[in-house]
C-alpha atoms as a PDB file:
ATOM      1  CA  UNK A   1      -8.723  62.278  -6.168  1.00  0.00           C
ATOM      2  CA  UNK A   2      -7.434  59.710  -6.315  1.00  0.00           C
ATOM      3  CA  UNK A   3      -6.244  58.020  -9.977  1.00  0.00           C
ATOM      4  CA  UNK A   4      -7.330  55.307 -11.981  1.00  0.00           C
ATOM      5  CA  UNK A   5      -4.297  52.479 -10.866  1.00  0.00           C
ATOM      6  CA  UNK A   6      -4.991  54.400  -7.172  1.00  0.00           C
ATOM      7  CA  UNK A   7      -8.848  53.421  -7.220  1.00  0.00           C
ATOM      8  CA  UNK A   8      -7.600  49.626  -8.909  1.00  0.00           C
ATOM      9  CA  UNK A   9      -5.199  49.025  -5.811  1.00  0.00           C
ATOM     10  CA  UNK A  10      -7.735  50.475  -3.240  1.00  0.00           C
ATOM     11  CA  UNK A  11     -10.687  48.524  -4.294  1.00  0.00           C
ATOM     12  CA  UNK A  12      -8.408  45.408  -4.700  1.00  0.00           C
ATOM     13  CA  UNK A  13      -7.253  45.800  -1.247  1.00  0.00           C
ATOM     14  CA  UNK A  14     -11.158  46.405   0.046  1.00  0.00           C
ATOM     15  CA  UNK A  15     -11.634  42.938  -1.741  1.00  0.00           C
ATOM     16  CA  UNK A  16      -8.782  40.912  -0.249  1.00  0.00           C
ATOM     17  CA  UNK A  17      -9.776  42.282   3.383  1.00  0.00           C
ATOM     18  CA  UNK A  18     -13.281  41.565   2.990  1.00  0.00           C
ATOM     19  CA  UNK A  19     -12.471  37.603   1.863  1.00  0.00           C
ATOM     20  CA  UNK A  20     -10.504  37.595   4.531  1.00  0.00           C
ATOM     21  CA  UNK A  21     -13.437  38.960   7.650  1.00  0.00           C
ATOM     22  CA  UNK A  22     -16.000  36.269   5.943  1.00  0.00           C
ATOM     23  CA  UNK A  23     -13.866  33.239   6.486  1.00  0.00           C
ATOM     24  CA  UNK A  24     -16.072  31.249   9.543  1.00  0.00           C
ATOM     25  CA  UNK A  25     -13.460  30.939  10.695  1.00  0.00           C
ATOM     26  CA  UNK A  26     -10.791  32.864   9.566  1.00  0.00           C
ATOM     27  CA  UNK A  27      -7.619  31.296  11.456  1.00  0.00           C
ATOM     28  CA  UNK A  28      -5.458  33.584  10.214  1.00  0.00           C
ATOM     29  CA  UNK A  29      -7.604  36.905  12.298  1.00  0.00           C
ATOM     30  CA  UNK A  30      -8.683  35.352  14.862  1.00  0.00           C
ATOM     31  CA  UNK A  31      -7.462  33.027  18.464  1.00  0.00           C
ATOM     32  CA  UNK A  32      -9.561  31.089  20.607  1.00  0.00           C
ATOM     33  CA  UNK A  33      -9.275  28.570  23.251  1.00  0.00           C
ATOM     34  CA  UNK A  34      -8.322  25.475  21.949  1.00  0.00           C
ATOM     35  CA  UNK A  35      -7.724  27.586  18.122  1.00  0.00           C
ATOM     36  CA  UNK A  36      -5.343  29.606  18.372  1.00  0.00           C
ATOM     37  CA  UNK A  37      -2.131  30.491  16.320  1.00  0.00           C
ATOM     38  CA  UNK A  38       1.429  30.349  16.934  1.00  0.00           C
ATOM     39  CA  UNK A  39       3.156  33.171  17.852  1.00  0.00           C
ATOM     40  CA  UNK A  40       5.134  33.201  14.803  1.00  0.00           C
ATOM     41  CA  UNK A  41       1.943  33.305  12.925  1.00  0.00           C
ATOM     42  CA  UNK A  42      -0.334  35.828  15.265  1.00  0.00           C
ATOM     43  CA  UNK A  43       2.992  37.948  13.614  1.00  0.00           C
ATOM     44  CA  UNK A  44       1.094  41.718  12.027  1.00  0.00           C
ATOM     45  CA  UNK A  45       3.272  43.028   9.181  1.00  0.00           C
ATOM     46  CA  UNK A  46       6.440  41.267   6.844  1.00  0.00           C
ATOM     47  CA  UNK A  47       8.268  38.563   8.342  1.00  0.00           C
ATOM     48  CA  UNK A  48      12.018  37.566   8.767  1.00  0.00           C
ATOM     49  CA  UNK A  49      12.836  35.909   4.984  1.00  0.00           C
ATOM     50  CA  UNK A  50       9.808  37.938   3.577  1.00  0.00           C
ATOM     51  CA  UNK A  51       9.978  39.757   0.269  1.00  0.00           C
ATOM     52  CA  UNK A  52       8.433  42.997  -0.425  1.00  0.00           C
ATOM     53  CA  UNK A  53       8.152  43.943  -3.877  1.00  0.00           C
ATOM     54  CA  UNK A  54       6.094  46.825  -5.205  1.00  0.00           C
ATOM     55  CA  UNK A  55       3.639  46.494  -8.008  1.00  0.00           C
ATOM     56  CA  UNK A  56       1.832  47.973 -10.535  1.00  0.00           C
ATOM     57  CA  UNK A  57      -2.247  48.063  -9.693  1.00  0.00           C
ATOM     58  CA  UNK A  58      -3.267  45.894 -11.962  1.00  0.00           C
ATOM     59  CA  UNK A  59      -0.989  43.237 -10.684  1.00  0.00           C
ATOM     60  CA  UNK A  60      -2.246  43.920  -7.093  1.00  0.00           C
ATOM     61  CA  UNK A  61      -5.044  42.446  -8.662  1.00  0.00           C
ATOM     62  CA  UNK A  62      -4.139  38.667  -7.386  1.00  0.00           C
ATOM     63  CA  UNK A  63      -6.575  35.889  -6.108  1.00  0.00           C
ATOM     64  CA  UNK A  64      -6.537  35.899  -2.197  1.00  0.00           C
ATOM     65  CA  UNK A  65      -7.029  32.927  -3.124  1.00  0.00           C
ATOM     66  CA  UNK A  66      -3.761  31.253  -3.858  1.00  0.00           C
ATOM     67  CA  UNK A  67      -4.061  28.404  -5.441  1.00  0.00           C
ATOM     68  CA  UNK A  68      -2.829  24.928  -2.935  1.00  0.00           C
ATOM     69  CA  UNK A  69      -0.435  23.010  -4.652  1.00  0.00           C
ATOM     70  CA  UNK A  70      -1.966  19.648  -2.365  1.00  0.00           C
ATOM     71  CA  UNK A  71      -3.223  18.812   1.040  1.00  0.00           C
ATOM     72  CA  UNK A  72      -0.466  16.016   2.710  1.00  0.00           C
ATOM     73  CA  UNK A  73      -1.688  14.134   5.742  1.00  0.00           C
ATOM     74  CA  UNK A  74       0.681  12.447   8.687  1.00  0.00           C
ATOM     75  CA  UNK A  75      -1.224   9.982   9.835  1.00  0.00           C
ATOM     76  CA  UNK A  76      -1.139   8.137  13.152  1.00  0.00           C
ATOM     77  CA  UNK A  77      -2.065  10.882  15.238  1.00  0.00           C
ATOM     78  CA  UNK A  78      -3.596  12.669  13.103  1.00  0.00           C
ATOM     79  CA  UNK A  79      -5.993  10.977  10.633  1.00  0.00           C
ATOM     80  CA  UNK A  80      -6.739   8.563  13.680  1.00  0.00           C
ATOM     81  CA  UNK A  81      -5.441   8.873  17.247  1.00  0.00           C
ATOM     82  CA  UNK A  82      -3.718   5.693  16.877  1.00  0.00           C
ATOM     83  CA  UNK A  83      -0.296   5.377  19.252  1.00  0.00           C
ATOM     84  CA  UNK A  84      -1.701   4.672  22.894  1.00  0.00           C
ATOM     85  CA  UNK A  85      -4.450   2.611  21.936  1.00  0.00           C
ATOM     86  CA  UNK A  86      -3.329   1.078  18.242  1.00  0.00           C
ATOM     87  CA  UNK A  87      -0.220   0.191  17.987  1.00  0.00           C
ATOM     88  CA  UNK A  88       1.029  -0.049  21.694  1.00  0.00           C
ATOM     89  CA  UNK A  89      -1.539  -2.526  22.252  1.00  0.00           C
ATOM     90  CA  UNK A  90      -0.761  -4.481  19.024  1.00  0.00           C
ATOM     91  CA  UNK A  91       3.056  -4.412  19.293  1.00  0.00           C
ATOM     92  CA  UNK A  92       2.316  -6.062  22.612  1.00  0.00           C
ATOM     93  CA  UNK A  93      -0.084  -8.364  21.548  1.00  0.00           C
ATOM     94  CA  UNK A  94       2.876  -9.494  18.540  1.00  0.00           C
ATOM     95  CA  UNK A  95       5.338  -9.798  21.824  1.00  0.00           C
ATOM     96  CA  UNK A  96       3.056 -12.043  23.737  1.00  0.00           C
ATOM     97  CA  UNK A  97       2.355 -14.631  20.029  1.00  0.00           C
ATOM     98  CA  UNK A  98       6.411 -14.724  20.081  1.00  0.00           C
ATOM     99  CA  UNK A  99       6.923 -15.641  23.091  1.00  0.00           C
ATOM    100  CA  UNK A 100       8.898 -13.301  24.273  1.00  0.00           C
ATOM    101  CA  UNK A 101       7.505 -11.104  28.054  1.00  0.00           C
ATOM    102  CA  UNK A 102       8.667  -7.748  27.148  1.00  0.00           C
ATOM    103  CA  UNK A 103       5.453  -5.094  27.224  1.00  0.00           C
ATOM    104  CA  UNK A 104       5.736  -1.653  26.418  1.00  0.00           C
ATOM    105  CA  UNK A 105       3.927   0.375  29.136  1.00  0.00           C
ATOM    106  CA  UNK A 106       2.682   4.012  27.929  1.00  0.00           C
ATOM    107  CA  UNK A 107       5.014   5.789  28.972  1.00  0.00           C
ATOM    108  CA  UNK A 108       8.072   3.775  28.068  1.00  0.00           C
ATOM    109  CA  UNK A 109       6.037   3.826  24.368  1.00  0.00           C
ATOM    110  CA  UNK A 110       5.492   7.925  24.655  1.00  0.00           C
ATOM    111  CA  UNK A 111       9.594   7.610  24.391  1.00  0.00           C
ATOM    112  CA  UNK A 112       9.694   4.553  21.419  1.00  0.00           C
ATOM    113  CA  UNK A 113       7.741   7.036  18.896  1.00  0.00           C
ATOM    114  CA  UNK A 114      10.527   9.974  18.903  1.00  0.00           C
ATOM    115  CA  UNK A 115      12.160   7.101  16.321  1.00  0.00           C
ATOM    116  CA  UNK A 116      10.172   6.756  13.226  1.00  0.00           C
ATOM    117  CA  UNK A 117       9.198   4.057  12.309  1.00  0.00           C
ATOM    118  CA  UNK A 118       7.555   0.415  14.010  1.00  0.00           C
ATOM    119  CA  UNK A 119      10.681  -1.677  13.007  1.00  0.00           C
ATOM    120  CA  UNK A 120      13.188   1.016  13.540  1.00  0.00           C
ATOM    121  CA  UNK A 121      11.637   1.678  17.507  1.00  0.00           C
ATOM    122  CA  UNK A 122      12.113  -2.418  17.441  1.00  0.00           C
ATOM    123  CA  UNK A 123      15.108  -2.288  16.677  1.00  0.00           C
ATOM    124  CA  UNK A 124      16.347   0.426  19.429  1.00  0.00           C
ATOM    125  CA  UNK A 125      14.437  -1.259  21.840  1.00  0.00           C
ATOM    126  CA  UNK A 126      16.168  -5.546  21.281  1.00  0.00           C
ATOM    127  CA  UNK A 127      19.556  -3.543  20.652  1.00  0.00           C
ATOM    128  CA  UNK A 128      19.864  -1.718  24.075  1.00  0.00           C
ATOM    129  CA  UNK A 129      19.055  -5.193  25.640  1.00  0.00           C
ATOM    130  CA  UNK A 130      21.418  -7.967  23.944  1.00  0.00           C
ATOM    131  CA  UNK A 131      21.745 -10.516  25.776  1.00  0.00           C
ATOM    132  CA  UNK A 132      17.852 -11.066  26.664  1.00  0.00           C
ATOM    133  CA  UNK A 133      15.404 -12.059  23.301  1.00  0.00           C
ATOM    134  CA  UNK A 134      14.991 -12.406  21.491  1.00  0.00           C
ATOM    135  CA  UNK A 135      18.924 -10.809  20.412  1.00  0.00           C
ATOM    136  CA  UNK A 136      20.595 -13.240  22.793  1.00  0.00           C
ATOM    137  CA  UNK A 137      19.577 -16.402  19.972  1.00  0.00           C
ATOM    138  CA  UNK A 138      20.550 -13.969  17.059  1.00  0.00           C
ATOM    139  CA  UNK A 139      23.781 -13.654  16.175  1.00  0.00           C
ATOM    140  CA  UNK A 140      23.895 -12.262  12.935  1.00  0.00           C
ATOM    141  CA  UNK A 141      22.626  -8.521  11.551  1.00  0.00           C
ATOM    142  CA  UNK A 142      21.515 -10.122   8.746  1.00  0.00           C
ATOM    143  CA  UNK A 143      18.289 -12.827  11.333  1.00  0.00           C
ATOM    144  CA  UNK A 144      17.779  -9.838  13.891  1.00  0.00           C
ATOM    145  CA  UNK A 145      16.647  -7.271  10.564  1.00  0.00           C
ATOM    146  CA  UNK A 146      15.073 -10.917  10.042  1.00  0.00           C
ATOM    147  CA  UNK A 147      13.229 -11.314  12.722  1.00  0.00           C
ATOM    148  CA  UNK A 148      12.151  -7.667  13.082  1.00  0.00           C
ATOM    149  CA  UNK A 149      10.734  -8.555   9.837  1.00  0.00           C
ATOM    150  CA  UNK A 150       8.736 -11.355  10.574  1.00  0.00           C
ATOM    151  CA  UNK A 151       7.778  -9.253  13.951  1.00  0.00           C
ATOM    152  CA  UNK A 152       6.573  -6.200  12.046  1.00  0.00           C
ATOM    153  CA  UNK A 153       4.301  -7.574   9.838  1.00  0.00           C
ATOM    154  CA  UNK A 154       3.002  -9.816  12.634  1.00  0.00           C
ATOM    155  CA  UNK A 155       1.775  -6.638  14.000  1.00  0.00           C
ATOM    156  CA  UNK A 156       1.182  -4.905  11.262  1.00  0.00           C
ATOM    157  CA  UNK A 157      -1.813  -7.614  10.768  1.00  0.00           C
ATOM    158  CA  UNK A 158      -3.449  -7.857  14.033  1.00  0.00           C
ATOM    159  CA  UNK A 159      -3.384  -3.665  13.789  1.00  0.00           C
ATOM    160  CA  UNK A 160      -5.111  -3.754  10.953  1.00  0.00           C
ATOM    161  CA  UNK A 161      -7.879  -6.297  11.991  1.00  0.00           C
ATOM    162  CA  UNK A 162      -8.465  -2.971  15.098  1.00  0.00           C
ATOM    163  CA  UNK A 163      -9.197  -0.953  12.605  1.00  0.00           C
ATOM    164  CA  UNK A 164     -11.437  -2.900  10.576  1.00  0.00           C
ATOM    165  CA  UNK A 165     -13.363  -3.786  13.592  1.00  0.00           C
ATOM    166  CA  UNK A 166     -14.325  -0.240  13.933  1.00  0.00           C
ATOM    167  CA  UNK A 167     -12.291   0.065  16.928  1.00  0.00           C
ATOM    168  CA  UNK A 168     -10.186   3.243  15.623  1.00  0.00           C
ATOM    169  CA  UNK A 169     -11.944   6.383  14.722  1.00  0.00           C
ATOM    170  CA  UNK A 170     -11.069   9.031  12.359  1.00  0.00           C
ATOM    171  CA  UNK A 171      -9.813  12.519  14.522  1.00  0.00           C
ATOM    172  CA  UNK A 172     -12.284  15.347  14.041  1.00  0.00           C
ATOM    173  CA  UNK A 173     -12.070  17.103  10.985  1.00  0.00           C
ATOM    174  CA  UNK A 174     -10.492  14.850   8.621  1.00  0.00           C
ATOM    175  CA  UNK A 175     -13.464  12.876   6.991  1.00  0.00           C
ATOM    176  CA  UNK A 176     -15.046  16.589   6.158  1.00  0.00           C
ATOM    177  CA  UNK A 177     -11.816  17.953   5.001  1.00  0.00           C
ATOM    178  CA  UNK A 178     -10.442  15.766   2.782  1.00  0.00           C
ATOM    179  CA  UNK A 179     -13.421  15.629   0.840  1.00  0.00           C
ATOM    180  CA  UNK A 180     -13.536  19.569   0.816  1.00  0.00           C
ATOM    181  CA  UNK A 181     -10.036  19.349  -0.456  1.00  0.00           C
ATOM    182  CA  UNK A 182     -11.356  16.368  -3.210  1.00  0.00           C
ATOM    183  CA  UNK A 183     -14.244  18.417  -3.909  1.00  0.00           C
ATOM    184  CA  UNK A 184     -12.068  21.480  -4.425  1.00  0.00           C
ATOM    185  CA  UNK A 185     -10.475  19.562  -7.047  1.00  0.00           C
ATOM    186  CA  UNK A 186      -7.187  19.314  -4.449  1.00  0.00           C
ATOM    187  CA  UNK A 187      -4.861  16.842  -4.163  1.00  0.00           C
ATOM    188  CA  UNK A 188      -4.938  14.950  -1.334  1.00  0.00           C
ATOM    189  CA  UNK A 189      -2.114  12.244  -0.453  1.00  0.00           C
ATOM    190  CA  UNK A 190      -0.963  10.434   2.853  1.00  0.00           C
ATOM    191  CA  UNK A 191       2.779  10.391   3.579  1.00  0.00           C
ATOM    192  CA  UNK A 192       4.015   7.886   6.898  1.00  0.00           C
ATOM    193  CA  UNK A 193       6.913   6.346   8.520  1.00  0.00           C
ATOM    194  CA  UNK A 194       3.994   3.451   8.881  1.00  0.00           C
ATOM    195  CA  UNK A 195       3.695   0.441   7.107  1.00  0.00           C
ATOM    196  CA  UNK A 196       1.980   0.613   3.492  1.00  0.00           C
ATOM    197  CA  UNK A 197      -0.437  -1.771   4.397  1.00  0.00           C
ATOM    198  CA  UNK A 198      -1.566  -0.413   8.313  1.00  0.00           C
ATOM    199  CA  UNK A 199      -2.089   3.486   6.520  1.00  0.00           C
ATOM    200  CA  UNK A 200      -4.135   2.151   3.558  1.00  0.00           C
ATOM    201  CA  UNK A 201      -6.437   0.527   5.723  1.00  0.00           C
ATOM    202  CA  UNK A 202      -7.115   3.390   7.839  1.00  0.00           C
ATOM    203  CA  UNK A 203      -7.557   5.232   4.076  1.00  0.00           C
ATOM    204  CA  UNK A 204      -9.554   2.613   2.514  1.00  0.00           C
ATOM    205  CA  UNK A 205     -12.181   1.587   5.631  1.00  0.00           C
ATOM    206  CA  UNK A 206     -12.241   5.226   8.073  1.00  0.00           C
ATOM    207  CA  UNK A 207     -12.366   7.568   4.894  1.00  0.00           C
ATOM    208  CA  UNK A 208     -14.060   5.012   1.869  1.00  0.00           C
ATOM    209  CA  UNK A 209     -13.000   2.909  -0.741  1.00  0.00           C
ATOM    210  CA  UNK A 210     -14.100   5.684  -3.334  1.00  0.00           C
ATOM    211  CA  UNK A 211     -11.379   8.221  -0.974  1.00  0.00           C
ATOM    212  CA  UNK A 212      -8.631   5.308  -1.255  1.00  0.00           C
ATOM    213  CA  UNK A 213      -8.710   5.591  -4.959  1.00  0.00           C
ATOM    214  CA  UNK A 214      -7.819   9.309  -5.530  1.00  0.00           C
ATOM    215  CA  UNK A 215      -5.662   9.491  -2.368  1.00  0.00           C
ATOM    216  CA  UNK A 216      -1.889   8.358  -2.585  1.00  0.00           C
ATOM    217  CA  UNK A 217      -0.608   6.687   0.194  1.00  0.00           C
ATOM    218  CA  UNK A 218       3.370   7.011   0.559  1.00  0.00           C
ATOM    219  CA  UNK A 219       4.774   5.042   3.584  1.00  0.00           C
ATOM    220  CA  UNK A 220       7.146   2.348   5.086  1.00  0.00           C
ATOM    221  CA  UNK A 221       9.417   1.930   3.277  1.00  0.00           C
ATOM    222  CA  UNK A 222       9.379   3.918   0.488  1.00  0.00           C
ATOM    223  CA  UNK A 223      12.233   5.636   1.294  1.00  0.00           C
ATOM    224  CA  UNK A 224      15.607   5.157   2.971  1.00  0.00           C
ATOM    225  CA  UNK A 225      15.189   7.867   5.925  1.00  0.00           C
ATOM    226  CA  UNK A 226      12.591   8.230   8.010  1.00  0.00           C
ATOM    227  CA  UNK A 227      10.689  11.119  10.011  1.00  0.00           C
ATOM    228  CA  UNK A 228      12.223  13.614  11.110  1.00  0.00           C
ATOM    229  CA  UNK A 229      14.023  13.296   7.349  1.00  0.00           C
ATOM    230  CA  UNK A 230      12.139  14.971   4.815  1.00  0.00           C
ATOM    231  CA  UNK A 231      12.228  12.195   2.656  1.00  0.00           C
ATOM    232  CA  UNK A 232       8.834  11.383   1.849  1.00  0.00           C
ATOM    233  CA  UNK A 233       7.559  14.821   2.077  1.00  0.00           C
ATOM    234  CA  UNK A 234       9.802  15.508  -1.167  1.00  0.00           C
ATOM    235  CA  UNK A 235       8.835  11.864  -2.176  1.00  0.00           C
ATOM    236  CA  UNK A 236       5.914  13.401  -2.203  1.00  0.00           C
ATOM    237  CA  UNK A 237       6.476  16.561  -3.881  1.00  0.00           C
ATOM    238  CA  UNK A 238       8.446  15.524  -6.780  1.00  0.00           C
ATOM    239  CA  UNK A 239       5.766  12.053  -7.751  1.00  0.00           C
ATOM    240  CA  UNK A 240       2.319  14.762  -7.156  1.00  0.00           C
ATOM    241  CA  UNK A 241       4.477  17.361  -9.433  1.00  0.00           C
ATOM    242  CA  UNK A 242       3.639  20.133  -6.122  1.00  0.00           C
ATOM    243  CA  UNK A 243       5.295  22.868  -4.838  1.00  0.00           C
ATOM    244  CA  UNK A 244       6.545  22.938  -1.392  1.00  0.00           C
ATOM    245  CA  UNK A 245       5.718  26.089  -1.023  1.00  0.00           C
ATOM    246  CA  UNK A 246       1.957  26.221  -1.821  1.00  0.00           C
ATOM    247  CA  UNK A 247       1.626  22.625  -0.229  1.00  0.00           C
ATOM    248  CA  UNK A 248       0.193  22.092   3.081  1.00  0.00           C
ATOM    249  CA  UNK A 249       1.220  19.643   5.767  1.00  0.00           C
ATOM    250  CA  UNK A 250      -0.753  18.236   8.636  1.00  0.00           C
ATOM    251  CA  UNK A 251       1.382  16.897  11.851  1.00  0.00           C
ATOM    252  CA  UNK A 252       1.250  15.758  14.980  1.00  0.00           C
ATOM    253  CA  UNK A 253       4.501  15.497  16.796  1.00  0.00           C
ATOM    254  CA  UNK A 254       7.364  17.565  16.639  1.00  0.00           C
ATOM    255  CA  UNK A 255       9.090  14.766  14.091  1.00  0.00           C
ATOM    256  CA  UNK A 256       6.494  14.791  11.997  1.00  0.00           C
ATOM    257  CA  UNK A 257       6.857  18.957  11.764  1.00  0.00           C
ATOM    258  CA  UNK A 258      10.708  18.815  11.588  1.00  0.00           C
ATOM    259  CA  UNK A 259      10.833  16.602   8.504  1.00  0.00           C
ATOM    260  CA  UNK A 260       7.675  19.475   6.699  1.00  0.00           C
ATOM    261  CA  UNK A 261       9.496  22.908   7.423  1.00  0.00           C
ATOM    262  CA  UNK A 262      12.516  20.672   6.295  1.00  0.00           C
ATOM    263  CA  UNK A 263      10.915  19.845   2.463  1.00  0.00           C
ATOM    264  CA  UNK A 264       9.783  23.699   2.528  1.00  0.00           C
ATOM    265  CA  UNK A 265       6.805  23.284   3.185  1.00  0.00           C
ATOM    266  CA  UNK A 266       3.308  24.525   5.307  1.00  0.00           C
ATOM    267  CA  UNK A 267       2.579  22.874   8.607  1.00  0.00           C
ATOM    268  CA  UNK A 268      -0.390  22.864  10.947  1.00  0.00           C
ATOM    269  CA  UNK A 269       0.230  20.959  13.986  1.00  0.00           C
ATOM    270  CA  UNK A 270      -3.359  18.949  15.216  1.00  0.00           C
ATOM    271  CA  UNK A 271      -1.811  17.728  19.087  1.00  0.00           C
ATOM    272  CA  UNK A 272      -2.720  14.193  20.066  1.00  0.00           C
ATOM    273  CA  UNK A 273      -1.922  11.795  22.400  1.00  0.00           C
ATOM    274  CA  UNK A 274       1.846  11.747  23.052  1.00  0.00           C
ATOM    275  CA  UNK A 275       2.474  15.154  21.388  1.00  0.00           C
ATOM    276  CA  UNK A 276       0.067  17.429  23.465  1.00  0.00           C
ATOM    277  CA  UNK A 277       3.307  18.727  25.560  1.00  0.00           C
ATOM    278  CA  UNK A 278       5.931  18.878  22.638  1.00  0.00           C
ATOM    279  CA  UNK A 279       7.621  21.761  21.454  1.00  0.00           C
ATOM    280  CA  UNK A 280       5.934  23.434  17.683  1.00  0.00           C
ATOM    281  CA  UNK A 281       6.946  26.990  18.456  1.00  0.00           C
ATOM    282  CA  UNK A 282       8.037  26.178  14.353  1.00  0.00           C
ATOM    283  CA  UNK A 283       4.161  25.257  13.733  1.00  0.00           C
ATOM    284  CA  UNK A 284       2.086  28.156  10.903  1.00  0.00           C
ATOM    285  CA  UNK A 285      -0.407  27.269  13.016  1.00  0.00           C
ATOM    286  CA  UNK A 286      -1.476  24.612  16.199  1.00  0.00           C
ATOM    287  CA  UNK A 287      -5.142  22.743  17.063  1.00  0.00           C
ATOM    288  CA  UNK A 288      -5.758  20.216  19.419  1.00  0.00           C
ATOM    289  CA  UNK A 289      -7.555  19.293  16.293  1.00  0.00           C
ATOM    290  CA  UNK A 290      -9.605  20.084  12.835  1.00  0.00           C
ATOM    291  CA  UNK A 291     -12.841  20.722  13.747  1.00  0.00           C
ATOM    292  CA  UNK A 292     -16.494  19.678  13.140  1.00  0.00           C
ATOM    293  CA  UNK A 293     -18.378  21.601  15.212  1.00  0.00           C
ATOM    294  CA  UNK A 294     -18.647  25.778  15.388  1.00  0.00           C
ATOM    295  CA  UNK A 295     -14.520  26.335  15.247  1.00  0.00           C
ATOM    296  CA  UNK A 296     -12.846  24.091  12.155  1.00  0.00           C
ATOM    297  CA  UNK A 297     -10.561  24.419  10.240  1.00  0.00           C
ATOM    298  CA  UNK A 298     -11.414  24.937   6.486  1.00  0.00           C
ATOM    299  CA  UNK A 299     -10.126  24.470   2.992  1.00  0.00           C
ATOM    300  CA  UNK A 300     -10.274  28.184   2.668  1.00  0.00           C
ATOM    301  CA  UNK A 301      -8.126  28.678   5.737  1.00  0.00           C
ATOM    302  CA  UNK A 302      -5.331  26.641   4.480  1.00  0.00           C
ATOM    303  CA  UNK A 303      -5.161  28.477   1.184  1.00  0.00           C
ATOM    304  CA  UNK A 304      -4.245  31.946   3.199  1.00  0.00           C
ATOM    305  CA  UNK A 305      -1.628  30.255   5.034  1.00  0.00           C
ATOM    306  CA  UNK A 306      -0.449  30.296   1.009  1.00  0.00           C
ATOM    307  CA  UNK A 307      -1.629  32.966  -0.374  1.00  0.00           C
ATOM    308  CA  UNK A 308       0.021  36.483  -1.970  1.00  0.00           C
ATOM    309  CA  UNK A 309      -0.702  39.411   1.384  1.00  0.00           C
ATOM    310  CA  UNK A 310      -1.514  42.632  -0.922  1.00  0.00           C
ATOM    311  CA  UNK A 311      -0.347  46.033   1.136  1.00  0.00           C
ATOM    312  CA  UNK A 312      -0.678  49.136  -0.459  1.00  0.00           C
ATOM    313  CA  UNK A 313       3.390  49.472  -0.923  1.00  0.00           C
ATOM    314  CA  UNK A 314       3.601  45.947  -2.313  1.00  0.00           C
ATOM    315  CA  UNK A 315       3.166  43.022  -1.900  1.00  0.00           C
ATOM    316  CA  UNK A 316       4.365  40.456   1.036  1.00  0.00           C
ATOM    317  CA  UNK A 317       5.425  37.310  -0.626  1.00  0.00           C
ATOM    318  CA  UNK A 318       5.939  34.020   1.087  1.00  0.00           C
END
């Protein structure tokens, strides 16, 4: 016969297993075309870096849905696939308005996206051709910085107009998952290298004014170092009082993934137009999008990423 302690252990384990099995869909236990785990996430059993702690039967009755500290979204490529037909187009429009002859093509802009931040991209691009305009007429670094700032403000205004005109829709599953998190009392924030104005416009126009009142935006020059540095996520954690290990980030790029992981947060990736071929082997999970149909990334799935998984002999603690 099982002892009282062992009966409690078996009961707790069954409850946890049943909870995982009834998730629709359970991203921790199934793979399918277009909705898959990475090889790292698909591993069974204790993973490197995990600690096994032996616990009493009473301690093993932990809830299967661990507290999710927060859900943090990148903006461009995650909330909206903005880069090719949004930011690139409005950069080129701003160049034209300023009398510049440069125009960023689709492939060229894809390379420039490896640099975090619009002002930083322009600075690098102009610096590579110092004898061409506008650098040829700007003799000091202060003049160059002022010019880039003015040009970026012009571009941001054009981009915001595009968002307000409804030309850039939300990606599948974004509005649903944000609403699900907020309804469950899970803090939601957006952490981006784009300007505060551009990100705030996307949140307020596409997610709605009521959502914008409760979703914090950390963006632009609010931190000295942009992605892939972890600064923006560390600032969000400090400001909101988050536990990084219990925080899930949604990113779409390799530099965003590096930023999230350097901040010691969980990170899932939803691939976007420019990032489909990037290396996401360090991501916890990778998907084409968050989904609005039969296959969806749900709040329960994200909670399972930060849940302590009980075993017969102990607990695997992330």
